Amino acid sequence: MPINAPWNYPTLMCTPPGEAGGVFPTETVLPLEAEAYAVTQEGEVWRVIVKHSGEVLYAGPGPVELVESPAPF
């Protein structure tokens, strides 16, 4: 049976490990394409903002990177 639906490759927001420590960055799945978000840095604070609404999704230590997931969800 062929699949006719387009693949959905979500954006991953990669942030430093949480307060509990750890080695690997934290990855959070975001629903929109990477171009829909803005990443800014002011001093030590990094922010991820939804461009069309101005909603702040993340404000904290960096670095922060937005990447397209290599796997469809």
N, C-alpha and C. Protein backbone atom coordinates (compact mmCIF):
# COMPACT_ATOMS: atom_id res chain seq x y z
N MET A 1 0.85 -1.18 0.00
CA MET A 1 0.00 0.00 0.00
C MET A 1 0.89 1.24 0.00
N PRO A 2 0.79 2.10 -1.00
CA PRO A 2 1.62 3.30 -1.05
C PRO A 2 1.15 4.35 -0.05
N ILE A 3 2.10 5.11 0.44
CA ILE A 3 1.79 6.20 1.35
C ILE A 3 1.81 7.49 0.55
N ASN A 4 0.71 8.22 0.54
CA ASN A 4 0.60 9.44 -0.25
C ASN A 4 0.81 10.71 0.57
N ALA A 5 0.88 10.57 1.89
CA ALA A 5 1.05 11.74 2.74
C ALA A 5 2.51 12.19 2.70
N PRO A 6 2.76 13.51 2.72
CA PRO A 6 4.14 13.98 2.75
C PRO A 6 4.77 13.67 4.11
N TRP A 7 6.07 13.45 4.11
CA TRP A 7 6.78 13.21 5.36
C TRP A 7 6.84 14.51 6.15
N ASN A 8 6.82 14.38 7.43
CA ASN A 8 6.93 15.54 8.30
C ASN A 8 8.24 15.43 9.06
N TYR A 9 9.21 16.27 8.72
CA TYR A 9 10.49 16.30 9.41
C TYR A 9 10.49 17.50 10.35
N PRO A 10 10.25 17.29 11.62
CA PRO A 10 10.13 18.42 12.54
C PRO A 10 11.48 19.07 12.82
N THR A 11 11.41 20.23 13.42
CA THR A 11 12.59 20.95 13.85
C THR A 11 12.95 20.49 15.26
N LEU A 12 14.23 20.30 15.50
CA LEU A 12 14.71 19.97 16.84
C LEU A 12 15.42 21.19 17.40
N MET A 13 15.05 21.58 18.64
CA MET A 13 15.75 22.65 19.33
C MET A 13 16.74 21.98 20.27
N CYS A 14 18.02 22.19 20.03
CA CYS A 14 19.08 21.58 20.83
C CYS A 14 19.62 22.62 21.79
N THR A 15 19.49 22.33 23.10
CA THR A 15 19.94 23.23 24.15
C THR A 15 20.93 22.49 25.06
N PRO A 16 21.69 23.22 25.88
CA PRO A 16 22.64 22.56 26.77
C PRO A 16 21.93 21.59 27.72
N PRO A 17 22.68 20.62 28.29
CA PRO A 17 22.09 19.69 29.26
C PRO A 17 21.41 20.44 30.40
N GLY A 18 20.39 19.83 30.97
CA GLY A 18 19.61 20.46 32.03
C GLY A 18 20.36 20.60 33.35
N GLU A 19 19.65 21.11 34.33
CA GLU A 19 20.21 21.36 35.66
C GLU A 19 20.76 20.09 36.32
N ALA A 20 20.19 18.95 36.00
CA ALA A 20 20.60 17.69 36.62
C ALA A 20 21.97 17.24 36.11
N GLY A 21 22.53 17.97 35.20
CA GLY A 21 23.82 17.59 34.63
C GLY A 21 23.60 16.71 33.43
N GLY A 22 24.63 16.13 32.95
CA GLY A 22 24.51 15.29 31.79
C GLY A 22 25.55 15.68 30.76
N VAL A 23 25.63 14.89 29.74
CA VAL A 23 26.63 15.10 28.72
C VAL A 23 26.01 15.58 27.41
N PHE A 24 24.85 15.03 27.07
CA PHE A 24 24.24 15.31 25.78
C PHE A 24 23.30 16.50 25.86
N PRO A 25 23.19 17.25 24.76
CA PRO A 25 22.24 18.36 24.74
C PRO A 25 20.80 17.84 24.82
N THR A 26 19.93 18.70 25.29
CA THR A 26 18.51 18.38 25.34
C THR A 26 17.92 18.70 23.98
N GLU A 27 17.11 17.77 23.44
CA GLU A 27 16.45 18.00 22.15
C GLU A 27 14.95 18.09 22.37
N THR A 28 14.36 19.18 21.90
CA THR A 28 12.93 19.40 22.02
C THR A 28 12.36 19.48 20.61
N VAL A 29 11.31 18.71 20.33
CA VAL A 29 10.67 18.73 19.02
C VAL A 29 9.77 19.96 18.91
N LEU A 30 9.96 20.74 17.85
CA LEU A 30 9.13 21.90 17.57
C LEU A 30 8.28 21.61 16.34
N PRO A 31 7.05 22.11 16.29
CA PRO A 31 6.13 21.72 15.22
C PRO A 31 6.33 22.41 13.87
N LEU A 32 7.01 23.54 13.83
CA LEU A 32 7.15 24.28 12.58
C LEU A 32 8.53 24.08 11.97
N GLU A 33 8.69 24.48 10.70
CA GLU A 33 9.99 24.39 10.06
C GLU A 33 10.96 25.36 10.73
N ALA A 34 12.26 25.08 10.61
CA ALA A 34 13.29 25.86 11.30
C ALA A 34 13.22 27.35 10.96
N GLU A 35 12.82 27.69 9.73
CA GLU A 35 12.76 29.09 9.31
C GLU A 35 11.68 29.88 10.05
N ALA A 36 10.77 29.20 10.74
CA ALA A 36 9.69 29.87 11.45
C ALA A 36 10.14 30.41 12.81
N TYR A 37 11.38 30.11 13.19
CA TYR A 37 11.90 30.50 14.50
C TYR A 37 13.10 31.42 14.34
N ALA A 38 13.32 32.27 15.36
CA ALA A 38 14.51 33.12 15.41
C ALA A 38 15.28 32.76 16.67
N VAL A 39 16.59 32.64 16.54
CA VAL A 39 17.47 32.39 17.68
C VAL A 39 18.29 33.66 17.88
N THR A 40 18.25 34.21 19.10
CA THR A 40 19.01 35.41 19.41
C THR A 40 19.84 35.18 20.66
N GLN A 41 20.88 35.98 20.81
CA GLN A 41 21.72 35.91 21.99
C GLN A 41 21.99 37.32 22.48
N GLU A 42 21.72 37.54 23.77
CA GLU A 42 22.03 38.81 24.42
C GLU A 42 22.85 38.47 25.66
N GLY A 43 24.15 38.69 25.56
CA GLY A 43 25.03 38.31 26.67
C GLY A 43 25.04 36.81 26.83
N GLU A 44 24.69 36.34 28.01
CA GLU A 44 24.68 34.91 28.32
C GLU A 44 23.33 34.25 28.02
N VAL A 45 22.31 35.05 27.71
CA VAL A 45 20.95 34.53 27.52
C VAL A 45 20.66 34.31 26.03
N TRP A 46 20.27 33.09 25.70
CA TRP A 46 19.84 32.73 24.35
C TRP A 46 18.33 32.62 24.35
N ARG A 47 17.70 33.04 23.25
CA ARG A 47 16.25 32.95 23.13
C ARG A 47 15.88 32.31 21.79
N VAL A 48 14.80 31.51 21.83
CA VAL A 48 14.20 30.98 20.62
C VAL A 48 12.79 31.54 20.59
N ILE A 49 12.47 32.24 19.49
CA ILE A 49 11.20 32.95 19.37
C ILE A 49 10.49 32.50 18.11
N VAL A 50 9.17 32.33 18.20
CA VAL A 50 8.35 32.07 17.02
C VAL A 50 8.20 33.40 16.30
N LYS A 51 8.65 33.47 15.05
CA LYS A 51 8.68 34.75 14.32
C LYS A 51 7.30 35.39 14.16
N HIS A 52 6.28 34.61 13.79
CA HIS A 52 4.98 35.21 13.48
C HIS A 52 4.20 35.66 14.71
N SER A 53 4.49 35.08 15.89
CA SER A 53 3.73 35.45 17.08
C SER A 53 4.56 36.17 18.14
N GLY A 54 5.88 36.03 18.07
CA GLY A 54 6.73 36.63 19.09
C GLY A 54 6.82 35.80 20.36
N GLU A 55 6.18 34.63 20.36
CA GLU A 55 6.20 33.77 21.55
C GLU A 55 7.63 33.27 21.82
N VAL A 56 8.07 33.40 23.07
CA VAL A 56 9.40 32.93 23.47
C VAL A 56 9.28 31.47 23.90
N LEU A 57 9.98 30.58 23.19
CA LEU A 57 9.95 29.16 23.52
C LEU A 57 11.06 28.76 24.45
N TYR A 58 12.16 29.49 24.42
CA TYR A 58 13.30 29.17 25.27
C TYR A 58 14.04 30.44 25.59
N ALA A 59 14.45 30.57 26.84
CA ALA A 59 15.33 31.66 27.27
C ALA A 59 16.23 31.07 28.35
N GLY A 60 17.52 31.00 28.04
CA GLY A 60 18.44 30.41 28.99
C GLY A 60 19.83 30.30 28.42
N PRO A 61 20.64 29.44 29.03
CA PRO A 61 22.03 29.32 28.58
C PRO A 61 22.13 28.71 27.19
N GLY A 62 23.20 29.01 26.52
CA GLY A 62 23.41 28.48 25.18
C GLY A 62 24.66 27.64 25.14
N PRO A 63 25.03 27.25 23.98
CA PRO A 63 24.45 27.64 22.70
C PRO A 63 23.16 26.88 22.41
N VAL A 64 22.35 27.45 21.52
CA VAL A 64 21.11 26.85 21.06
C VAL A 64 21.20 26.68 19.56
N GLU A 65 20.75 25.53 19.08
CA GLU A 65 20.79 25.26 17.64
C GLU A 65 19.45 24.67 17.21
N LEU A 66 18.96 25.10 16.06
CA LEU A 66 17.75 24.53 15.48
C LEU A 66 18.17 23.69 14.27
N VAL A 67 17.75 22.43 14.26
CA VAL A 67 18.10 21.55 13.15
C VAL A 67 16.86 20.80 12.69
N GLU A 68 16.83 20.47 11.41
CA GLU A 68 15.73 19.65 10.88
C GLU A 68 16.02 18.21 11.25
N SER A 69 15.05 17.55 11.85
CA SER A 69 15.23 16.15 12.25
C SER A 69 15.49 15.29 11.03
N PRO A 70 16.40 14.33 11.16
CA PRO A 70 16.67 13.43 10.03
C PRO A 70 15.62 12.32 9.89
N ALA A 71 14.67 12.26 10.83
CA ALA A 71 13.67 11.21 10.81
C ALA A 71 12.27 11.80 10.78
N PRO A 72 11.37 11.26 9.97
CA PRO A 72 10.00 11.78 9.95
C PRO A 72 9.24 11.32 11.20
N PHE A 73 8.32 12.18 11.66
CA PHE A 73 7.45 11.85 12.80
C PHE A 73 6.02 11.91 12.35
